Amino acid sequence: MRAFLMLVLALALATPALADEIFYQAAFGANAIWFDNNAKPSDVEATVSGSASLSPHISAVASAAFGFDHSYVSGAAGLRFTVTDALDKSFGVGLGIERYMSSEPALRPEEWAPDVTVGWAPWVKSPRVSLIARGAYGLDSNLATALVGLRYRFTKDYVEELPQ
């Protein structure tokens, strides 16, 4: 596991050298989240998230959430690899690994978790609004979480041209 994390870190550090530009974006939204073995949503969360593309297919991602029913604050940061067309702004699938942190570790354990994320912007007239779904598996706790949510991207695509 440690070797895998070192490989991911090395890729994150090396990919800006391969990219011509970095895209930044930020969004806020809401999630329904299911913790391991629950049939109904375990909580509803308000979220803020951001990403920076390090290359067309690799992004640094981070998010923070507040759970209303259980009154927790959680966050995550990591890397996501886009496995679909990186230029398609309306649909994407990503495989990632994130470090989860929480004010309630008994509910949301603090651990590394690989995840699969799907994002879809189905409304042509509202391209900043997207639907997301994410499944994650905690490597220490062996607990699965799943969420579905709605995001509103409040930034335009900010592009930083890298020096050649």
C-alpha atoms as a PDB file:
ATOM      1  CA  MET A   1       0.000   0.000   0.000  1.00  0.00           C
ATOM      2  CA  ARG A   2       2.795   2.399   0.856  1.00  0.00           C
ATOM      3  CA  ALA A   3       4.427   1.741  -2.549  1.00  0.00           C
ATOM      4  CA  PHE A   4       1.122   2.517  -4.281  1.00  0.00           C
ATOM      5  CA  LEU A   5       0.771   5.814  -2.421  1.00  0.00           C
ATOM      6  CA  MET A   6       4.353   6.744  -3.329  1.00  0.00           C
ATOM      7  CA  LEU A   7       3.588   6.010  -7.004  1.00  0.00           C
ATOM      8  CA  VAL A   8       0.474   8.201  -6.862  1.00  0.00           C
ATOM      9  CA  LEU A   9       2.476  11.014  -5.228  1.00  0.00           C
ATOM     10  CA  ALA A  10       5.223  10.719  -7.856  1.00  0.00           C
ATOM     11  CA  LEU A  11       2.625  10.933 -10.644  1.00  0.00           C
ATOM     12  CA  ALA A  12       1.069  14.016  -9.028  1.00  0.00           C
ATOM     13  CA  LEU A  13       4.429  15.752  -8.838  1.00  0.00           C
ATOM     14  CA  ALA A  14       5.504  14.774 -12.366  1.00  0.00           C
ATOM     15  CA  THR A  15       2.309  15.526 -14.307  1.00  0.00           C
ATOM     16  CA  PRO A  16       2.411  19.365 -14.193  1.00  0.00           C
ATOM     17  CA  ALA A  17       5.599  19.129 -16.242  1.00  0.00           C
ATOM     18  CA  LEU A  18       3.619  17.217 -18.892  1.00  0.00           C
ATOM     19  CA  ALA A  19       0.689  19.665 -19.020  1.00  0.00           C
ATOM     20  CA  ASP A  20       0.520  22.870 -21.060  1.00  0.00           C
ATOM     21  CA  GLU A  21      -2.074  24.400 -18.725  1.00  0.00           C
ATOM     22  CA  ILE A  22      -3.874  23.721 -15.464  1.00  0.00           C
ATOM     23  CA  PHE A  23      -7.662  24.039 -15.158  1.00  0.00           C
ATOM     24  CA  TYR A  24      -9.119  25.026 -11.777  1.00  0.00           C
ATOM     25  CA  GLN A  25     -12.745  24.834 -10.746  1.00  0.00           C
ATOM     26  CA  ALA A  26     -14.826  25.000  -7.563  1.00  0.00           C
ATOM     27  CA  ALA A  27     -18.406  24.007  -6.788  1.00  0.00           C
ATOM     28  CA  PHE A  28     -20.924  23.763  -3.977  1.00  0.00           C
ATOM     29  CA  GLY A  29     -23.757  21.312  -3.648  1.00  0.00           C
ATOM     30  CA  ALA A  30     -25.658  18.739  -1.637  1.00  0.00           C
ATOM     31  CA  ASN A  31     -25.325  14.963  -1.217  1.00  0.00           C
ATOM     32  CA  ALA A  32     -27.376  12.100   0.058  1.00  0.00           C
ATOM     33  CA  ILE A  33     -24.847   9.688   1.568  1.00  0.00           C
ATOM     34  CA  TRP A  34     -25.108   6.038   2.522  1.00  0.00           C
ATOM     35  CA  PHE A  35     -22.708   4.508   5.005  1.00  0.00           C
ATOM     36  CA  ASP A  36     -21.973   0.768   4.990  1.00  0.00           C
ATOM     37  CA  ASN A  37     -25.056  -1.528   5.142  1.00  0.00           C
ATOM     38  CA  ASN A  38     -27.771   1.150   5.219  1.00  0.00           C
ATOM     39  CA  ALA A  39     -30.775   0.910   2.901  1.00  0.00           C
ATOM     40  CA  LYS A  40     -31.869   4.551   3.304  1.00  0.00           C
ATOM     41  CA  PRO A  41     -29.605   7.608   3.161  1.00  0.00           C
ATOM     42  CA  SER A  42     -27.547   7.921   6.331  1.00  0.00           C
ATOM     43  CA  ASP A  43     -27.292  11.696   6.090  1.00  0.00           C
ATOM     44  CA  VAL A  44     -27.690  14.738   3.884  1.00  0.00           C
ATOM     45  CA  GLU A  45     -24.584  16.869   3.392  1.00  0.00           C
ATOM     46  CA  ALA A  46     -23.825  20.386   2.185  1.00  0.00           C
ATOM     47  CA  THR A  47     -20.546  20.375   0.276  1.00  0.00           C
ATOM     48  CA  VAL A  48     -17.900  22.540  -1.287  1.00  0.00           C
ATOM     49  CA  SER A  49     -15.364  21.002  -3.651  1.00  0.00           C
ATOM     50  CA  GLY A  50     -12.527  21.980  -5.911  1.00  0.00           C
ATOM     51  CA  SER A  51     -10.164  20.486  -8.442  1.00  0.00           C
ATOM     52  CA  ALA A  52      -7.069  21.315 -10.429  1.00  0.00           C
ATOM     53  CA  SER A  53      -6.190  19.325 -13.528  1.00  0.00           C
ATOM     54  CA  LEU A  54      -2.535  18.394 -13.434  1.00  0.00           C
ATOM     55  CA  SER A  55      -2.747  16.837 -16.894  1.00  0.00           C
ATOM     56  CA  PRO A  56      -5.717  16.074 -19.151  1.00  0.00           C
ATOM     57  CA  HIS A  57      -6.422  12.860 -17.207  1.00  0.00           C
ATOM     58  CA  ILE A  58      -5.071  13.545 -13.684  1.00  0.00           C
ATOM     59  CA  SER A  59      -6.593  15.997 -11.201  1.00  0.00           C
ATOM     60  CA  ALA A  60      -5.928  16.978  -7.617  1.00  0.00           C
ATOM     61  CA  VAL A  61      -9.282  17.058  -5.815  1.00  0.00           C
ATOM     62  CA  ALA A  62     -10.500  18.237  -2.427  1.00  0.00           C
ATOM     63  CA  SER A  63     -13.858  18.588  -0.727  1.00  0.00           C
ATOM     64  CA  ALA A  64     -15.467  19.471   2.581  1.00  0.00           C
ATOM     65  CA  ALA A  65     -18.925  18.474   3.800  1.00  0.00           C
ATOM     66  CA  PHE A  66     -21.261  19.149   6.705  1.00  0.00           C
ATOM     67  CA  GLY A  67     -23.650  16.339   7.666  1.00  0.00           C
ATOM     68  CA  PHE A  68     -26.949  17.769   8.902  1.00  0.00           C
ATOM     69  CA  ASP A  69     -28.420  14.772  10.733  1.00  0.00           C
ATOM     70  CA  HIS A  70     -25.246  13.651  12.541  1.00  0.00           C
ATOM     71  CA  SER A  71     -23.667  17.137  12.781  1.00  0.00           C
ATOM     72  CA  TYR A  72     -20.228  16.240  11.467  1.00  0.00           C
ATOM     73  CA  VAL A  73     -17.688  18.002   9.312  1.00  0.00           C
ATOM     74  CA  SER A  74     -15.653  15.882   6.938  1.00  0.00           C
ATOM     75  CA  GLY A  75     -13.090  16.489   4.256  1.00  0.00           C
ATOM     76  CA  ALA A  76     -11.138  14.625   1.644  1.00  0.00           C
ATOM     77  CA  ALA A  77      -8.147  15.341  -0.571  1.00  0.00           C
ATOM     78  CA  GLY A  78      -6.435  13.212  -3.183  1.00  0.00           C
ATOM     79  CA  LEU A  79      -5.976  12.425  -6.838  1.00  0.00           C
ATOM     80  CA  ARG A  80      -8.462  11.378  -9.497  1.00  0.00           C
ATOM     81  CA  PHE A  81      -7.686   9.798 -12.874  1.00  0.00           C
ATOM     82  CA  THR A  82     -10.252  10.506 -15.616  1.00  0.00           C
ATOM     83  CA  VAL A  83     -10.933   7.301 -17.544  1.00  0.00           C
ATOM     84  CA  THR A  84     -13.315   8.832 -20.092  1.00  0.00           C
ATOM     85  CA  ASP A  85     -12.760  11.622 -22.640  1.00  0.00           C
ATOM     86  CA  ALA A  86     -11.058  14.375 -20.626  1.00  0.00           C
ATOM     87  CA  LEU A  87     -12.375  17.066 -22.988  1.00  0.00           C
ATOM     88  CA  ASP A  88     -16.040  16.082 -22.562  1.00  0.00           C
ATOM     89  CA  LYS A  89     -17.433  18.699 -20.146  1.00  0.00           C
ATOM     90  CA  SER A  90     -20.832  16.987 -19.860  1.00  0.00           C
ATOM     91  CA  PHE A  91     -19.850  13.471 -18.707  1.00  0.00           C
ATOM     92  CA  GLY A  92     -16.902  11.930 -16.919  1.00  0.00           C
ATOM     93  CA  VAL A  93     -15.844   8.891 -14.936  1.00  0.00           C
ATOM     94  CA  GLY A  94     -12.888   9.007 -12.583  1.00  0.00           C
ATOM     95  CA  LEU A  95     -10.923   6.546 -10.472  1.00  0.00           C
ATOM     96  CA  GLY A  96      -9.250   8.079  -7.465  1.00  0.00           C
ATOM     97  CA  ILE A  97      -7.739   7.741  -4.062  1.00  0.00           C
ATOM     98  CA  GLU A  98      -8.427  10.236  -1.300  1.00  0.00           C
ATOM     99  CA  ARG A  99      -7.519  10.745   2.327  1.00  0.00           C
ATOM    100  CA  TYR A 100     -10.737  11.169   4.314  1.00  0.00           C
ATOM    101  CA  MET A 101     -10.805  13.243   7.526  1.00  0.00           C
ATOM    102  CA  SER A 102     -13.734  13.745   9.889  1.00  0.00           C
ATOM    103  CA  SER A 103     -14.854  15.378  13.103  1.00  0.00           C
ATOM    104  CA  GLU A 104     -16.668  12.091  13.872  1.00  0.00           C
ATOM    105  CA  PRO A 105     -14.187   9.274  13.087  1.00  0.00           C
ATOM    106  CA  ALA A 106     -16.596   6.645  14.472  1.00  0.00           C
ATOM    107  CA  LEU A 107     -19.072   7.636  11.759  1.00  0.00           C
ATOM    108  CA  ARG A 108     -16.699   8.711   8.971  1.00  0.00           C
ATOM    109  CA  PRO A 109     -13.324   7.013   9.622  1.00  0.00           C
ATOM    110  CA  GLU A 110     -10.101   8.887   8.902  1.00  0.00           C
ATOM    111  CA  GLU A 111      -8.387   6.767   6.257  1.00  0.00           C
ATOM    112  CA  TRP A 112      -7.313   6.360   2.660  1.00  0.00           C
ATOM    113  CA  ALA A 113     -10.105   5.245   0.355  1.00  0.00           C
ATOM    114  CA  PRO A 114     -10.092   4.427  -3.357  1.00  0.00           C
ATOM    115  CA  ASP A 115     -13.199   5.683  -5.132  1.00  0.00           C
ATOM    116  CA  VAL A 116     -15.098   5.717  -8.391  1.00  0.00           C
ATOM    117  CA  THR A 117     -16.882   8.934  -9.362  1.00  0.00           C
ATOM    118  CA  VAL A 118     -19.341   9.677 -12.152  1.00  0.00           C
ATOM    119  CA  GLY A 119     -20.269  13.237 -13.113  1.00  0.00           C
ATOM    120  CA  TRP A 120     -22.941  14.224 -15.615  1.00  0.00           C
ATOM    121  CA  ALA A 121     -24.183  17.660 -16.713  1.00  0.00           C
ATOM    122  CA  PRO A 122     -27.476  16.733 -18.416  1.00  0.00           C
ATOM    123  CA  TRP A 123     -28.886  20.249 -18.907  1.00  0.00           C
ATOM    124  CA  VAL A 124     -27.482  22.081 -21.945  1.00  0.00           C
ATOM    125  CA  LYS A 125     -28.931  25.415 -20.760  1.00  0.00           C
ATOM    126  CA  SER A 126     -27.338  24.979 -17.314  1.00  0.00           C
ATOM    127  CA  PRO A 127     -23.825  23.618 -17.975  1.00  0.00           C
ATOM    128  CA  ARG A 128     -22.631  24.574 -14.471  1.00  0.00           C
ATOM    129  CA  VAL A 129     -25.097  22.162 -12.834  1.00  0.00           C
ATOM    130  CA  SER A 130     -24.116  18.501 -12.640  1.00  0.00           C
ATOM    131  CA  LEU A 131     -25.211  15.279 -11.019  1.00  0.00           C
ATOM    132  CA  ILE A 132     -22.568  13.161  -9.307  1.00  0.00           C
ATOM    133  CA  ALA A 133     -22.318   9.704  -7.822  1.00  0.00           C
ATOM    134  CA  ARG A 134     -19.379   8.314  -5.854  1.00  0.00           C
ATOM    135  CA  GLY A 135     -18.567   4.997  -4.265  1.00  0.00           C
ATOM    136  CA  ALA A 136     -15.590   4.648  -1.904  1.00  0.00           C
ATOM    137  CA  TYR A 137     -14.057   1.837   0.124  1.00  0.00           C
ATOM    138  CA  GLY A 138     -12.108   2.571   3.317  1.00  0.00           C
ATOM    139  CA  LEU A 139      -8.815   0.694   3.372  1.00  0.00           C
ATOM    140  CA  ASP A 140      -8.522   0.661   7.182  1.00  0.00           C
ATOM    141  CA  SER A 141     -12.180   0.288   8.187  1.00  0.00           C
ATOM    142  CA  ASN A 142     -13.272  -1.970   5.275  1.00  0.00           C
ATOM    143  CA  LEU A 143     -16.443   0.154   5.116  1.00  0.00           C
ATOM    144  CA  ALA A 144     -18.101   1.280   1.901  1.00  0.00           C
ATOM    145  CA  THR A 145     -19.809   4.611   1.352  1.00  0.00           C
ATOM    146  CA  ALA A 146     -21.878   5.805  -1.567  1.00  0.00           C
ATOM    147  CA  LEU A 147     -23.326   9.196  -2.354  1.00  0.00           C
ATOM    148  CA  VAL A 148     -25.388  10.927  -4.995  1.00  0.00           C
ATOM    149  CA  GLY A 149     -25.415  14.673  -5.262  1.00  0.00           C
ATOM    150  CA  LEU A 150     -26.034  17.848  -7.157  1.00  0.00           C
ATOM    151  CA  ARG A 151     -23.234  20.371  -7.819  1.00  0.00           C
ATOM    152  CA  TYR A 152     -23.212  23.945  -9.002  1.00  0.00           C
ATOM    153  CA  ARG A 153     -19.836  25.046 -10.371  1.00  0.00           C
ATOM    154  CA  PHE A 154     -19.495  28.673  -9.297  1.00  0.00           C
ATOM    155  CA  THR A 155     -16.208  29.313 -11.064  1.00  0.00           C
ATOM    156  CA  LYS A 156     -15.613  29.643 -14.737  1.00  0.00           C
ATOM    157  CA  ASP A 157     -12.870  27.381 -16.024  1.00  0.00           C
ATOM    158  CA  TYR A 158      -9.818  29.216 -14.768  1.00  0.00           C
ATOM    159  CA  VAL A 159      -6.815  28.299 -16.874  1.00  0.00           C
ATOM    160  CA  GLU A 160      -3.206  28.888 -15.880  1.00  0.00           C
ATOM    161  CA  GLU A 161      -0.800  28.784 -18.802  1.00  0.00           C
ATOM    162  CA  LEU A 162       2.428  27.104 -17.746  1.00  0.00           C
ATOM    163  CA  PRO A 163       5.775  28.513 -18.874  1.00  0.00           C
ATOM    164  CA  GLN A 164       7.363  26.568 -21.700  1.00  0.00           C
END
